[in-house]
C-alpha atoms as a PDB file:
ATOM      1  CA  UNK A   1       0.000   0.000   0.000  1.00  0.00           C
ATOM      2  CA  UNK A   2       1.402   3.423  -0.955  1.00  0.00           C
ATOM      3  CA  UNK A   3       2.182   5.936   1.767  1.00  0.00           C
ATOM      4  CA  UNK A   4      -0.450   8.633   2.138  1.00  0.00           C
ATOM      5  CA  UNK A   5       0.087  12.192   3.247  1.00  0.00           C
ATOM      6  CA  UNK A   6       3.095  14.468   3.017  1.00  0.00           C
ATOM      7  CA  UNK A   7       6.589  13.538   4.192  1.00  0.00           C
ATOM      8  CA  UNK A   8       7.839  17.139   4.538  1.00  0.00           C
ATOM      9  CA  UNK A   9       6.329  20.396   5.743  1.00  0.00           C
ATOM     10  CA  UNK A  10       5.943  22.846   2.861  1.00  0.00           C
ATOM     11  CA  UNK A  11       6.548  26.577   3.187  1.00  0.00           C
ATOM     12  CA  UNK A  12       3.274  28.239   4.155  1.00  0.00           C
ATOM     13  CA  UNK A  13       2.447  31.923   4.088  1.00  0.00           C
ATOM     14  CA  UNK A  14      -1.148  32.045   5.317  1.00  0.00           C
ATOM     15  CA  UNK A  15      -3.189  30.641   8.173  1.00  0.00           C
ATOM     16  CA  UNK A  16      -5.466  28.992   5.619  1.00  0.00           C
ATOM     17  CA  UNK A  17      -2.532  27.053   4.124  1.00  0.00           C
ATOM     18  CA  UNK A  18      -1.477  25.936   7.603  1.00  0.00           C
ATOM     19  CA  UNK A  19      -5.000  24.824   8.515  1.00  0.00           C
ATOM     20  CA  UNK A  20      -5.336  22.861   5.273  1.00  0.00           C
ATOM     21  CA  UNK A  21      -1.974  21.197   5.863  1.00  0.00           C
ATOM     22  CA  UNK A  22      -2.936  20.139   9.396  1.00  0.00           C
ATOM     23  CA  UNK A  23      -6.166  18.521   8.184  1.00  0.00           C
ATOM     24  CA  UNK A  24      -4.190  15.860   6.266  1.00  0.00           C
ATOM     25  CA  UNK A  25      -2.879  12.511   7.467  1.00  0.00           C
ATOM     26  CA  UNK A  26       0.520  13.521   8.878  1.00  0.00           C
ATOM     27  CA  UNK A  27       1.613  10.063  10.061  1.00  0.00           C
ATOM     28  CA  UNK A  28       4.327   9.862   7.346  1.00  0.00           C
ATOM     29  CA  UNK A  29       5.826  13.231   8.214  1.00  0.00           C
ATOM     30  CA  UNK A  30       9.624  13.175   8.600  1.00  0.00           C
ATOM     31  CA  UNK A  31      10.245  14.699  12.044  1.00  0.00           C
ATOM     32  CA  UNK A  32      14.051  14.393  11.834  1.00  0.00           C
ATOM     33  CA  UNK A  33      14.264  17.862  10.254  1.00  0.00           C
ATOM     34  CA  UNK A  34      12.222  19.544  12.976  1.00  0.00           C
ATOM     35  CA  UNK A  35      13.946  21.852  15.436  1.00  0.00           C
ATOM     36  CA  UNK A  36      12.857  22.490  19.025  1.00  0.00           C
ATOM     37  CA  UNK A  37      11.128  25.821  19.480  1.00  0.00           C
ATOM     38  CA  UNK A  38      10.858  27.950  22.569  1.00  0.00           C
ATOM     39  CA  UNK A  39       8.005  30.300  23.241  1.00  0.00           C
ATOM     40  CA  UNK A  40       8.681  33.396  25.278  1.00  0.00           C
ATOM     41  CA  UNK A  41       5.611  34.013  27.376  1.00  0.00           C
ATOM     42  CA  UNK A  42       6.880  36.245  30.165  1.00  0.00           C
ATOM     43  CA  UNK A  43       6.628  39.986  29.610  1.00  0.00           C
ATOM     44  CA  UNK A  44       9.954  41.745  29.283  1.00  0.00           C
ATOM     45  CA  UNK A  45       9.644  44.990  31.195  1.00  0.00           C
ATOM     46  CA  UNK A  46      13.181  45.459  32.490  1.00  0.00           C
ATOM     47  CA  UNK A  47      16.122  46.826  30.523  1.00  0.00           C
ATOM     48  CA  UNK A  48      19.841  46.206  30.748  1.00  0.00           C
ATOM     49  CA  UNK A  49      22.538  48.435  29.333  1.00  0.00           C
ATOM     50  CA  UNK A  50      26.058  47.027  29.033  1.00  0.00           C
ATOM     51  CA  UNK A  51      29.268  47.791  27.214  1.00  0.00           C
ATOM     52  CA  UNK A  52      30.916  44.975  25.270  1.00  0.00           C
ATOM     53  CA  UNK A  53      33.985  44.756  23.062  1.00  0.00           C
ATOM     54  CA  UNK A  54      33.001  45.176  19.412  1.00  0.00           C
ATOM     55  CA  UNK A  55      34.450  41.758  18.555  1.00  0.00           C
ATOM     56  CA  UNK A  56      32.228  40.055  21.163  1.00  0.00           C
ATOM     57  CA  UNK A  57      29.085  41.842  19.999  1.00  0.00           C
ATOM     58  CA  UNK A  58      29.919  41.041  16.358  1.00  0.00           C
ATOM     59  CA  UNK A  59      30.246  37.344  17.219  1.00  0.00           C
ATOM     60  CA  UNK A  60      26.974  37.381  19.181  1.00  0.00           C
ATOM     61  CA  UNK A  61      25.203  39.002  16.232  1.00  0.00           C
ATOM     62  CA  UNK A  62      26.734  36.504  13.779  1.00  0.00           C
ATOM     63  CA  UNK A  63      25.661  33.504  15.857  1.00  0.00           C
ATOM     64  CA  UNK A  64      22.178  34.924  16.356  1.00  0.00           C
ATOM     65  CA  UNK A  65      21.883  35.459  12.611  1.00  0.00           C
ATOM     66  CA  UNK A  66      22.921  31.841  11.959  1.00  0.00           C
ATOM     67  CA  UNK A  67      20.156  30.718  14.319  1.00  0.00           C
ATOM     68  CA  UNK A  68      17.672  33.127  12.748  1.00  0.00           C
ATOM     69  CA  UNK A  69      16.903  35.042  15.938  1.00  0.00           C
ATOM     70  CA  UNK A  70      17.472  38.637  17.089  1.00  0.00           C
ATOM     71  CA  UNK A  71      20.764  39.129  18.909  1.00  0.00           C
ATOM     72  CA  UNK A  72      19.012  40.375  22.068  1.00  0.00           C
ATOM     73  CA  UNK A  73      17.128  37.063  22.263  1.00  0.00           C
ATOM     74  CA  UNK A  74      20.413  35.205  21.750  1.00  0.00           C
ATOM     75  CA  UNK A  75      21.920  37.067  24.721  1.00  0.00           C
ATOM     76  CA  UNK A  76      18.822  36.373  26.854  1.00  0.00           C
ATOM     77  CA  UNK A  77      19.013  32.648  25.990  1.00  0.00           C
ATOM     78  CA  UNK A  78      22.697  32.578  26.955  1.00  0.00           C
ATOM     79  CA  UNK A  79      21.852  34.170  30.311  1.00  0.00           C
ATOM     80  CA  UNK A  80      18.969  31.740  30.873  1.00  0.00           C
ATOM     81  CA  UNK A  81      21.211  28.762  30.035  1.00  0.00           C
ATOM     82  CA  UNK A  82      23.913  29.984  32.427  1.00  0.00           C
ATOM     83  CA  UNK A  83      21.371  30.381  35.232  1.00  0.00           C
ATOM     84  CA  UNK A  84      19.822  26.961  34.568  1.00  0.00           C
ATOM     85  CA  UNK A  85      23.082  25.292  35.606  1.00  0.00           C
ATOM     86  CA  UNK A  86      23.777  24.780  39.311  1.00  0.00           C
ATOM     87  CA  UNK A  87      25.625  27.733  40.811  1.00  0.00           C
ATOM     88  CA  UNK A  88      29.267  26.992  41.568  1.00  0.00           C
ATOM     89  CA  UNK A  89      30.205  26.843  45.230  1.00  0.00           C
ATOM     90  CA  UNK A  90      31.987  29.952  46.384  1.00  0.00           C
ATOM     91  CA  UNK A  91      35.038  29.316  48.511  1.00  0.00           C
ATOM     92  CA  UNK A  92      35.763  32.090  50.946  1.00  0.00           C
ATOM     93  CA  UNK A  93      39.263  32.792  52.118  1.00  0.00           C
ATOM     94  CA  UNK A  94      39.905  33.166  55.788  1.00  0.00           C
ATOM     95  CA  UNK A  95      40.966  36.609  56.892  1.00  0.00           C
ATOM     96  CA  UNK A  96      44.461  37.066  58.235  1.00  0.00           C
END
């Protein structure tokens, strides 16, 4: 029996195209090309202003562009990833 339904997700530009695509049998869809996606639901009301070396900011912008996201979001993700790891133990030196 021949496979029914699409094996890849086509480029869609309208909600109607997306709805029509989702109404098909998608059991043969190749999920190996899918990428995880994060949704940002929290409001962003606070601002941060920092000075960085031009070379660092250029690299951040280049990596963000490769991932297809704004560089501010790339920086926020890097901060979130750093804070998701357990904090290192701080060793205090004895005075004197």
